[in-house]
Amino acid sequence: MAVADLEIKRISSTDPNFDSELDALLNRAHGVDQDVHAVVVDIIERIRLQGDQALVQLTRDLDRLDVRSAAELKAPAGESGRVLARINPKLRQALENAADRIRTYHQRQQLQSWEYVEQDGTRLGQKVTALDRVGIYVPGGKAAYPSSVLMNAIPARIAGVKEIIMTVPTPGGEVNDGVLAAAAVAKVDQIFYVGGAQAIAALAYGTDTIPRVDKIVGPGNTYVATAKKLVFGQVGIDMFAGPSEVVVCCDASVDPEWIAMDLCAQAEHDELAQAIVISTDGAMLDRVGMALNDLVPTLERADIVKTALQGQGGLIQVKDMQETVQVINRIAPEHLQLMVDNPRPMVDSVRHAGAIFIGPYSAEALGDYCVGPNHVLPTSGTARFSSALGVYDFQKRTSLIECSQPGASELAGTASTLARAESLTAHARSAEYRMKQNH
C-alpha cells in the first residue's frame, strides 16, 4: 500500500459547513439489510418450532460442523478447565491477571437491597435480585475474543447469577483454546458449540439441549445483532451495539505516533470502525496524519485499517477547549481519550462518553483487556443515554410496599382523587376501602 494513498477526512469548526460535515462524518447508520433480516427471521422460527433438530441442521450447514445430535454440541464437563491447565502459561497468567482486575472493579458496583420506615409505620424498600440464568454469546473460530468472556461473565457472576451459559461457534470444528480457558477463569457453567442467529434463538426460546435464558449478552456479526434485536422482549439483551469507535482529543504535549497507533488500534477492529482526532492545533493534526501514513503500511491488518480510516476516520480542528468539549458531547463516543497536558478539567465537562481514558498513558487498548472497567460500551452516540455493561445489568430491582393502616388511610385520599381524575373509579374505590372511616 502506497503511503500517499491514505486520505482521511479533515474538517474545521471555522468552516461554514462544519455542522453538516460533522453530521456526515458521524452518519454511519446502516439500514436494515432485508436479506439478512429475512434469513434471521427464518432461523429463529425454525429453532422456535423445531428446537434441537433445527439447531443441528443449521450448525451443519452454516458452521460446517459434522454433528448428528444436539448432545454433540455441548462441551464435555470440565473441558474448559482442562484447556486452562494446558495452555501457554503466559496466556493463562494474562487471563487470570485480567480477571482479577475486572473482578475487583465490578465488585464495587453491587447494588444492595434497602428499606425505610415512615412515621406512621409504612415500610418501603427495594429488593435486589440476580437474574436466574444468563446467556453469553462469544465469537469463535479465528475471530475469537477471550476478553469478551471475562467482561461478560465476571459481572454476571458477581451479581449472583445462578447459571451462566456460553455459546461459541466452532466453524469447521475449530475450537479456540483462549475462549475456553477464559470460560474456566470466569466460571462459566455450560458451554455449547453453537453460533450465529441460531445460537441467539436457542438461548431465547430454549431447546431440549440448550436451556432458555433470561438475558443474552455479548458481541457478534450482523446476523447475531439482528437476532438479538428480534428476540428482545422474549429475553433481555445487553444493548444494540454498532461498530466500535474512538475519539482522541490531543495537543502538542503528546507524541503524534502514540495517537496514530491508538487510532490504528481502533481501526483494525473492522472496516466500519471509527477513529477521530480532535485538536485545537492544526500542526498537530498534520503530524498525526503523517504518522498514520508511516504506521498503517506496517500493520498486519493494514487493509482493514486503511479502509476504516478512509471511510470513517476524521481529523477535526476546533478553536478552543470549550468547543472541543461541545464536539465531544455531540459525538458521544464509545471511547474517549483525553491526551492533553491538563485533562482533568475536561473530565468534568464531558457529559456523553462510554469510557474516558485520561492522560497519554491510558491507552484504550488497555481498557479492552485488563484495566478493570467493562469494555462493553454504548456505541453510535448512545452514550447519551446508556452506560457500560456492569453488575447492575444482571440484577433486577423489585419495589417493596408495606402500608400501615394509618398510612393507607392517609394515602387513599390522594390516590382516590388521582384515580377519579383518570376515570378509573375501581382504582378509586379500592383505595377508599383503606380509608379509616371505612373500617
Protein backbone atom coordinates (compact mmCIF):
# COMPACT_ATOMS: atom_id res chain seq x y z
CA MET A 1 0.00 0.00 0.00
CA ALA A 2 1.46 3.33 -1.04
CA VAL A 3 1.95 5.79 1.81
CA ALA A 4 0.44 8.65 -0.18
CA ASP A 5 -2.76 6.65 -0.74
CA LEU A 6 -4.04 7.21 2.80
CA GLU A 7 -6.59 10.04 2.80
CA ILE A 8 -8.52 10.92 5.95
CA LYS A 9 -11.34 13.43 6.03
CA ARG A 10 -10.33 16.71 7.67
CA ILE A 11 -12.79 19.37 8.83
CA SER A 12 -12.60 22.58 10.84
CA SER A 13 -15.09 24.30 13.10
CA THR A 14 -14.35 27.55 11.26
CA ASP A 15 -15.78 26.07 8.07
CA PRO A 16 -19.31 27.43 7.44
CA ASN A 17 -20.40 23.88 6.57
CA PHE A 18 -18.88 22.36 9.71
CA ASP A 19 -22.15 21.12 11.20
CA SER A 20 -23.20 19.26 8.08
CA GLU A 21 -19.67 17.92 7.56
CA LEU A 22 -19.58 16.60 11.12
CA ASP A 23 -23.01 15.03 10.68
CA ALA A 24 -21.80 13.32 7.52
CA LEU A 25 -18.72 12.02 9.33
CA LEU A 26 -20.82 10.60 12.16
CA ASN A 27 -23.55 9.18 9.95
CA ARG A 28 -22.62 5.53 9.99
CA ALA A 29 -26.22 4.37 10.26
CA HIS A 30 -26.91 1.44 8.01
CA GLY A 31 -30.45 0.48 7.11
CA VAL A 32 -31.69 -2.96 8.00
CA ASP A 33 -30.40 -5.43 5.45
CA GLN A 34 -33.65 -7.02 4.31
CA ASP A 35 -31.87 -10.15 3.12
CA VAL A 36 -30.17 -10.62 6.50
CA HIS A 37 -33.44 -9.85 8.28
CA ALA A 38 -35.32 -12.48 6.28
CA VAL A 39 -32.66 -15.11 6.90
CA VAL A 40 -32.61 -14.43 10.64
CA VAL A 41 -36.42 -14.48 10.92
CA ASP A 42 -36.42 -17.90 9.25
CA ILE A 43 -33.66 -19.21 11.54
CA ILE A 44 -35.44 -18.01 14.68
CA GLU A 45 -38.73 -19.57 13.58
CA ARG A 46 -37.06 -22.88 12.79
CA ILE A 47 -35.39 -23.00 16.20
CA ARG A 48 -38.59 -21.98 17.96
CA LEU A 49 -40.64 -24.69 16.25
CA GLN A 50 -38.12 -27.50 15.69
CA GLY A 51 -35.65 -26.98 18.54
CA ASP A 52 -32.67 -29.31 18.54
CA GLN A 53 -33.47 -30.71 15.11
CA ALA A 54 -33.11 -27.28 13.50
CA LEU A 55 -30.12 -26.46 15.69
CA VAL A 56 -28.19 -29.50 14.42
CA GLN A 57 -29.07 -28.89 10.78
CA LEU A 58 -28.19 -25.18 10.90
CA THR A 59 -24.89 -25.93 12.61
CA ARG A 60 -24.05 -28.48 9.93
CA ASP A 61 -24.99 -26.07 7.14
CA LEU A 62 -23.65 -22.77 8.45
CA ASP A 63 -20.72 -23.76 10.66
CA ARG A 64 -19.68 -26.80 8.61
CA LEU A 65 -19.64 -28.87 11.80
CA ASP A 66 -20.33 -32.58 11.29
CA VAL A 67 -22.71 -33.32 14.17
CA ARG A 68 -25.54 -35.86 14.30
CA SER A 69 -27.25 -34.83 17.53
CA ALA A 70 -27.58 -31.75 19.70
CA ALA A 71 -25.81 -33.57 22.52
CA GLU A 72 -22.59 -33.31 20.49
CA LEU A 73 -22.86 -29.52 20.63
CA LYS A 74 -22.34 -29.44 24.38
CA ALA A 75 -18.75 -29.17 25.58
CA PRO A 76 -17.83 -32.10 27.85
CA ALA A 77 -17.90 -31.36 31.57
CA GLY A 78 -14.57 -29.95 32.70
CA GLU A 79 -13.36 -29.27 29.14
CA SER A 80 -12.62 -25.59 29.76
CA GLY A 81 -10.68 -26.42 32.91
CA ARG A 82 -8.55 -28.95 31.04
CA VAL A 83 -7.81 -26.37 28.34
CA LEU A 84 -6.86 -23.82 31.01
CA ALA A 85 -4.42 -26.32 32.51
CA ARG A 86 -2.58 -26.91 29.23
CA ILE A 87 -2.50 -23.52 27.51
CA ASN A 88 0.60 -21.37 27.33
CA PRO A 89 1.40 -20.33 30.93
CA LYS A 90 1.89 -16.72 29.83
CA LEU A 91 -1.62 -16.62 28.35
CA ARG A 92 -3.08 -18.25 31.44
CA GLN A 93 -1.38 -15.68 33.68
CA ALA A 94 -2.66 -12.84 31.49
CA LEU A 95 -6.23 -14.18 31.66
CA GLU A 96 -6.05 -14.56 35.43
CA ASN A 97 -4.49 -11.13 35.93
CA ALA A 98 -7.15 -9.50 33.76
CA ALA A 99 -9.91 -11.42 35.55
CA ASP A 100 -8.64 -10.28 38.96
CA ARG A 101 -8.71 -6.64 37.89
CA ILE A 102 -12.13 -6.92 36.24
CA ARG A 103 -13.47 -8.65 39.37
CA THR A 104 -12.04 -6.02 41.72
CA TYR A 105 -13.58 -3.16 39.74
CA HIS A 106 -17.00 -4.73 39.29
CA GLN A 107 -17.34 -5.79 42.92
CA ARG A 108 -17.80 -2.09 43.72
CA GLN A 109 -20.90 -1.99 41.51
CA GLN A 110 -23.01 -4.39 43.55
CA LEU A 111 -26.43 -2.99 44.40
CA GLN A 112 -27.87 -3.54 47.86
CA SER A 113 -31.46 -4.05 48.95
CA TRP A 114 -32.78 -1.33 51.25
CA GLU A 115 -35.83 -0.37 53.29
CA TYR A 116 -37.01 2.56 55.37
CA VAL A 117 -39.94 3.09 57.73
CA GLU A 118 -42.10 6.22 57.72
CA GLN A 119 -43.51 7.83 60.86
CA ASP A 120 -46.88 6.11 60.52
CA GLY A 121 -45.25 2.68 60.25
CA THR A 122 -45.42 2.30 56.47
CA ARG A 123 -42.41 0.37 55.25
CA LEU A 124 -40.99 0.92 51.77
CA GLY A 125 -37.97 -0.55 50.10
CA GLN A 126 -36.22 -2.11 47.17
CA LYS A 127 -35.22 -5.75 46.81
CA VAL A 128 -32.27 -6.52 44.54
CA THR A 129 -32.30 -9.96 42.92
CA ALA A 130 -29.90 -11.51 40.44
CA LEU A 131 -31.14 -12.98 37.18
CA ASP A 132 -31.50 -16.75 37.27
CA ARG A 133 -29.77 -17.66 34.02
CA VAL A 134 -27.74 -15.61 31.51
CA GLY A 135 -26.50 -16.49 28.05
CA ILE A 136 -23.17 -15.20 26.78
CA TYR A 137 -22.51 -15.17 23.06
CA VAL A 138 -18.83 -15.27 22.13
CA PRO A 139 -17.48 -15.11 18.57
CA GLY A 140 -15.43 -18.19 17.71
CA GLY A 141 -13.02 -19.57 15.16
CA LYS A 142 -10.32 -17.13 14.05
CA ALA A 143 -12.28 -14.05 15.25
CA ALA A 144 -12.25 -15.17 18.88
CA TYR A 145 -12.20 -12.88 21.88
CA PRO A 146 -11.30 -14.37 25.28
CA SER A 147 -11.54 -10.88 26.76
CA SER A 148 -15.26 -10.79 25.90
CA VAL A 149 -15.80 -13.90 28.00
CA LEU A 150 -14.23 -12.21 31.03
CA MET A 151 -16.05 -8.90 30.53
CA ASN A 152 -19.46 -10.53 30.21
CA ALA A 153 -19.25 -13.45 32.62
CA ILE A 154 -17.46 -11.90 35.60
CA PRO A 155 -20.03 -9.14 36.27
CA ALA A 156 -22.80 -11.72 35.94
CA ARG A 157 -21.09 -13.95 38.49
CA ILE A 158 -20.55 -11.04 40.89
CA ALA A 159 -24.22 -10.09 40.52
CA GLY A 160 -25.17 -13.53 41.77
CA VAL A 161 -26.47 -15.07 38.54
CA LYS A 162 -27.16 -18.72 39.28
CA GLU A 163 -26.19 -20.15 35.89
CA ILE A 164 -24.08 -18.78 33.04
CA ILE A 165 -24.46 -20.44 29.63
CA MET A 166 -21.94 -19.71 26.88
CA THR A 167 -22.41 -20.33 23.17
CA VAL A 168 -19.45 -20.13 20.83
CA PRO A 169 -19.29 -21.21 17.18
CA THR A 170 -16.61 -23.65 16.10
CA PRO A 171 -16.62 -23.27 12.30
CA GLY A 172 -15.22 -26.37 10.69
CA GLY A 173 -14.56 -27.75 14.17
CA GLU A 174 -12.07 -25.00 15.02
CA VAL A 175 -12.15 -24.55 18.80
CA ASN A 176 -10.38 -21.53 20.28
CA ASP A 177 -8.42 -22.51 23.38
CA GLY A 178 -8.23 -18.92 24.64
CA VAL A 179 -12.02 -18.65 24.74
CA LEU A 180 -12.40 -21.96 26.55
CA ALA A 181 -9.67 -21.08 29.04
CA ALA A 182 -11.33 -17.72 29.72
CA ALA A 183 -14.60 -19.55 30.38
CA ALA A 184 -12.86 -21.57 33.08
CA VAL A 185 -11.34 -18.46 34.65
CA ALA A 186 -14.73 -16.70 34.62
CA LYS A 187 -16.53 -19.81 35.96
CA VAL A 188 -18.97 -20.33 33.09
CA ASP A 189 -21.31 -23.22 33.90
CA GLN A 190 -22.11 -24.73 30.48
CA ILE A 191 -20.63 -24.26 27.00
CA PHE A 192 -22.30 -25.06 23.68
CA TYR A 193 -20.55 -25.07 20.32
CA VAL A 194 -23.24 -23.13 18.51
CA GLY A 195 -23.01 -19.80 16.73
CA GLY A 196 -24.92 -17.29 14.66
CA ALA A 197 -28.58 -16.38 14.86
CA GLN A 198 -29.39 -19.99 15.74
CA ALA A 199 -27.45 -19.68 19.00
CA ILE A 200 -29.35 -16.49 19.92
CA ALA A 201 -32.68 -18.15 19.12
CA ALA A 202 -31.79 -21.24 21.15
CA LEU A 203 -30.86 -19.12 24.15
CA ALA A 204 -34.04 -17.05 23.81
CA TYR A 205 -36.54 -19.88 23.39
CA GLY A 206 -34.67 -22.88 24.73
CA THR A 207 -34.38 -26.34 23.20
CA ASP A 208 -34.19 -29.77 24.76
CA THR A 209 -30.41 -29.33 24.92
CA ILE A 210 -29.82 -25.60 25.41
CA PRO A 211 -31.68 -24.05 28.34
CA ARG A 212 -33.67 -20.86 27.91
CA VAL A 213 -32.02 -17.82 29.50
CA ASP A 214 -33.29 -14.55 30.93
CA LYS A 215 -30.78 -12.27 29.21
CA ILE A 216 -28.32 -12.53 26.31
CA VAL A 217 -25.09 -10.53 26.23
CA GLY A 218 -22.03 -10.48 24.01
CA PRO A 219 -20.89 -9.25 20.58
CA GLY A 220 -21.48 -10.83 17.21
CA ASN A 221 -21.78 -10.27 13.47
CA THR A 222 -24.77 -8.70 11.71
CA TYR A 223 -26.77 -11.94 11.91
CA VAL A 224 -26.20 -12.16 15.66
CA ALA A 225 -27.02 -8.48 16.18
CA THR A 226 -30.20 -8.79 14.11
CA ALA A 227 -31.26 -11.90 16.02
CA LYS A 228 -30.74 -10.13 19.36
CA LYS A 229 -32.99 -7.29 18.20
CA LEU A 230 -35.70 -9.72 17.10
CA VAL A 231 -35.77 -11.76 20.32
CA PHE A 232 -35.64 -8.71 22.59
CA GLY A 233 -38.73 -8.83 24.75
CA GLN A 234 -38.65 -12.61 24.82
CA VAL A 235 -35.38 -12.15 26.69
CA GLY A 236 -33.33 -9.17 27.78
CA ILE A 237 -30.25 -8.15 25.82
CA ASP A 238 -27.25 -6.02 26.73
CA MET A 239 -27.51 -3.30 24.06
CA PHE A 240 -27.89 -2.64 20.35
CA ALA A 241 -24.20 -2.29 19.56
CA GLY A 242 -22.79 -0.80 16.37
CA PRO A 243 -19.22 -0.66 15.04
CA SER A 244 -16.58 0.34 17.58
CA GLU A 245 -15.26 3.91 17.80
CA VAL A 246 -12.72 6.16 19.49
CA VAL A 247 -12.32 9.93 19.76
CA VAL A 248 -8.85 11.16 20.70
CA CYS A 249 -8.54 14.73 21.98
CA CYS A 250 -4.90 15.82 21.78
CA ASP A 251 -2.49 18.73 21.94
CA ALA A 252 1.21 19.12 21.17
CA SER A 253 2.22 17.61 24.52
CA VAL A 254 1.82 14.05 23.16
CA ASP A 255 3.88 12.14 20.63
CA PRO A 256 1.81 12.05 17.41
CA GLU A 257 2.93 8.47 16.80
CA TRP A 258 1.20 7.40 20.03
CA ILE A 259 -2.01 8.99 18.81
CA ALA A 260 -1.67 7.43 15.37
CA MET A 261 -1.14 3.98 16.86
CA ASP A 262 -4.18 4.36 19.11
CA LEU A 263 -6.24 5.28 16.05
CA CYS A 264 -4.92 2.24 14.21
CA ALA A 265 -5.71 0.01 17.18
CA GLN A 266 -9.33 1.07 16.91
CA ALA A 267 -9.47 0.91 13.13
CA GLU A 268 -8.19 -2.67 13.00
CA HIS A 269 -11.45 -3.97 14.53
CA ASP A 270 -13.20 -3.87 11.16
CA GLU A 271 -13.79 -1.71 8.12
CA LEU A 272 -16.68 0.14 9.82
CA ALA A 273 -14.73 1.13 12.95
CA GLN A 274 -14.37 4.86 13.50
CA ALA A 275 -11.29 6.74 14.72
CA ILE A 276 -11.43 10.52 15.12
CA VAL A 277 -8.89 13.08 16.37
CA ILE A 278 -9.89 16.47 17.77
CA SER A 279 -7.34 19.22 18.37
CA THR A 280 -7.04 22.99 18.53
CA ASP A 281 -3.60 22.62 16.94
CA GLY A 282 -3.67 22.26 13.15
CA ALA A 283 0.03 21.44 13.01
CA MET A 284 -0.56 18.57 15.45
CA LEU A 285 -3.25 17.17 13.18
CA ASP A 286 -0.73 17.36 10.32
CA ARG A 287 1.78 15.35 12.36
CA VAL A 288 -0.82 12.74 13.28
CA GLY A 289 -1.71 12.37 9.62
CA MET A 290 1.93 11.87 8.67
CA ALA A 291 2.40 9.35 11.49
CA LEU A 292 -0.59 7.39 10.20
CA ASN A 293 0.89 7.32 6.71
CA ASP A 294 4.06 5.80 8.16
CA LEU A 295 2.35 3.34 10.53
CA VAL A 296 -0.50 1.88 8.51
CA PRO A 297 1.65 0.00 5.95
CA THR A 298 3.49 -1.75 8.81
CA LEU A 299 0.36 -3.30 10.32
CA GLU A 300 -0.78 -6.89 9.87
CA ARG A 301 -4.34 -5.70 9.26
CA ALA A 302 -3.27 -2.74 7.10
CA ASP A 303 -6.05 -3.15 4.54
CA ILE A 304 -8.76 -3.12 7.21
CA VAL A 305 -7.17 -0.14 8.98
CA LYS A 306 -6.85 1.83 5.74
CA THR A 307 -10.47 1.15 4.79
CA ALA A 308 -11.74 2.18 8.22
CA LEU A 309 -9.64 5.35 8.40
CA GLN A 310 -10.56 6.50 4.91
CA GLY A 311 -14.20 5.57 5.29
CA GLN A 312 -14.97 6.73 8.82
CA GLY A 313 -11.81 8.41 10.14
CA GLY A 314 -11.59 12.12 10.77
CA LEU A 315 -9.24 14.93 11.79
CA ILE A 316 -11.21 17.74 13.41
CA GLN A 317 -9.74 21.15 14.21
CA VAL A 318 -11.56 23.31 16.77
CA LYS A 319 -10.98 26.78 18.23
CA ASP A 320 -10.56 26.07 21.93
CA MET A 321 -11.16 23.58 24.73
CA GLN A 322 -14.75 24.72 25.19
CA GLU A 323 -15.51 23.93 21.57
CA THR A 324 -13.62 20.64 21.93
CA VAL A 325 -15.97 19.55 24.72
CA GLN A 326 -19.00 20.63 22.71
CA VAL A 327 -17.94 18.44 19.79
CA ILE A 328 -17.16 15.51 22.11
CA ASN A 329 -20.59 15.72 23.71
CA ARG A 330 -22.19 15.91 20.29
CA ILE A 331 -20.38 12.76 19.17
CA ALA A 332 -20.99 10.90 22.48
CA PRO A 333 -18.19 8.43 21.66
CA GLU A 334 -17.85 4.88 22.87
CA HIS A 335 -14.21 5.54 23.84
CA LEU A 336 -12.77 8.98 24.57
CA GLN A 337 -9.04 9.54 25.07
CA LEU A 338 -8.02 12.87 26.60
CA MET A 339 -4.38 13.12 25.56
CA VAL A 340 -3.79 16.72 26.58
CA ASP A 341 -1.50 18.45 29.04
CA ASN A 342 -4.18 19.09 31.67
CA PRO A 343 -7.04 16.62 31.07
CA ARG A 344 -8.79 16.65 34.45
CA PRO A 345 -10.84 19.86 33.94
CA MET A 346 -12.21 18.37 30.72
CA VAL A 347 -13.49 15.27 32.51
CA ASP A 348 -15.99 17.33 34.48
CA SER A 349 -17.31 18.94 31.29
CA VAL A 350 -17.72 15.77 29.22
CA ARG A 351 -21.27 14.52 29.67
CA HIS A 352 -21.52 11.86 27.00
CA ALA A 353 -18.91 9.09 26.61
CA GLY A 354 -18.93 5.36 27.22
CA ALA A 355 -15.48 5.42 28.84
CA ILE A 356 -12.98 8.24 29.34
CA PHE A 357 -9.26 7.46 29.19
CA ILE A 358 -7.38 10.24 30.97
CA GLY A 359 -3.83 11.16 30.03
CA PRO A 360 -1.33 9.79 27.50
CA TYR A 361 -0.65 6.54 29.35
CA SER A 362 -4.31 5.48 29.46
CA ALA A 363 -4.44 3.71 26.12
CA GLU A 364 -7.87 2.50 25.08
CA ALA A 365 -6.27 -0.85 24.24
CA LEU A 366 -5.52 -1.36 27.94
CA GLY A 367 -9.20 -0.86 28.67
CA ASP A 368 -10.13 -3.52 26.15
CA TYR A 369 -8.32 -6.16 28.14
CA CYS A 370 -7.22 -5.64 31.67
CA VAL A 371 -7.62 -2.24 33.35
CA GLY A 372 -10.82 -3.33 35.08
CA PRO A 373 -13.84 -1.35 33.78
CA ASN A 374 -16.00 -3.15 31.26
CA HIS A 375 -15.19 -2.93 27.57
CA VAL A 376 -18.83 -3.49 26.55
CA LEU A 377 -19.80 0.13 25.90
CA PRO A 378 -22.52 2.14 24.14
CA THR A 379 -21.75 2.98 20.50
CA SER A 380 -23.16 5.22 17.75
CA GLY A 381 -23.98 8.11 20.06
CA THR A 382 -25.99 6.00 22.51
CA ALA A 383 -23.66 7.09 25.31
CA ARG A 384 -26.11 10.00 25.55
CA PHE A 385 -28.49 7.68 27.38
CA SER A 386 -26.79 4.39 28.18
CA SER A 387 -23.80 3.05 30.08
CA ALA A 388 -21.13 0.37 30.14
CA LEU A 389 -22.15 -3.19 30.89
CA GLY A 390 -21.91 -3.87 34.61
CA VAL A 391 -23.10 -5.88 37.56
CA TYR A 392 -26.37 -3.93 37.60
CA ASP A 393 -27.23 -5.34 34.15
CA PHE A 394 -27.54 -8.78 35.73
CA GLN A 395 -29.70 -7.69 38.65
CA LYS A 396 -33.30 -6.55 38.81
CA ARG A 397 -34.96 -4.32 41.37
CA THR A 398 -38.30 -5.10 42.99
CA SER A 399 -40.21 -2.46 44.92
CA LEU A 400 -41.41 -3.36 48.42
CA ILE A 401 -44.56 -1.69 49.78
CA GLU A 402 -45.99 -2.46 53.21
CA CYS A 403 -48.54 0.18 54.20
CA SER A 404 -49.65 0.61 57.79
CA GLN A 405 -53.37 1.24 58.46
CA PRO A 406 -52.83 4.93 59.23
CA GLY A 407 -50.54 5.29 56.22
CA ALA A 408 -53.01 3.63 53.85
CA SER A 409 -55.84 5.80 55.17
CA GLU A 410 -53.83 8.95 54.51
CA LEU A 411 -52.66 7.86 51.06
CA ALA A 412 -56.13 6.72 49.99
CA GLY A 413 -57.40 10.26 49.66
CA THR A 414 -54.63 11.23 47.26
CA ALA A 415 -54.94 8.00 45.28
CA SER A 416 -58.72 8.29 45.07
CA THR A 417 -58.58 11.85 43.78
CA LEU A 418 -56.00 11.00 41.11
CA ALA A 419 -57.85 7.82 40.08
CA ARG A 420 -61.16 9.66 39.62
CA ALA A 421 -59.35 12.31 37.57
CA GLU A 422 -58.32 9.47 35.27
CA SER A 423 -61.87 7.99 35.28
CA LEU A 424 -60.62 4.81 36.91
CA THR A 425 -63.30 4.52 39.55
CA ALA A 426 -62.47 0.94 40.56
CA HIS A 427 -58.98 2.15 41.43
CA ALA A 428 -60.52 4.95 43.47
CA ARG A 429 -62.89 2.65 45.35
CA SER A 430 -60.08 0.14 46.02
CA ALA A 431 -58.08 2.94 47.63
CA GLU A 432 -61.13 4.23 49.54
CA TYR A 433 -61.66 0.81 51.14
CA ARG A 434 -58.44 1.52 53.04
CA MET A 435 -59.64 4.86 54.42
CA LYS A 436 -60.06 4.98 58.19
CA GLN A 437 -63.78 5.85 58.12
CA ASN A 438 -64.49 2.71 56.06
CA HIS A 439 -63.33 0.41 58.87
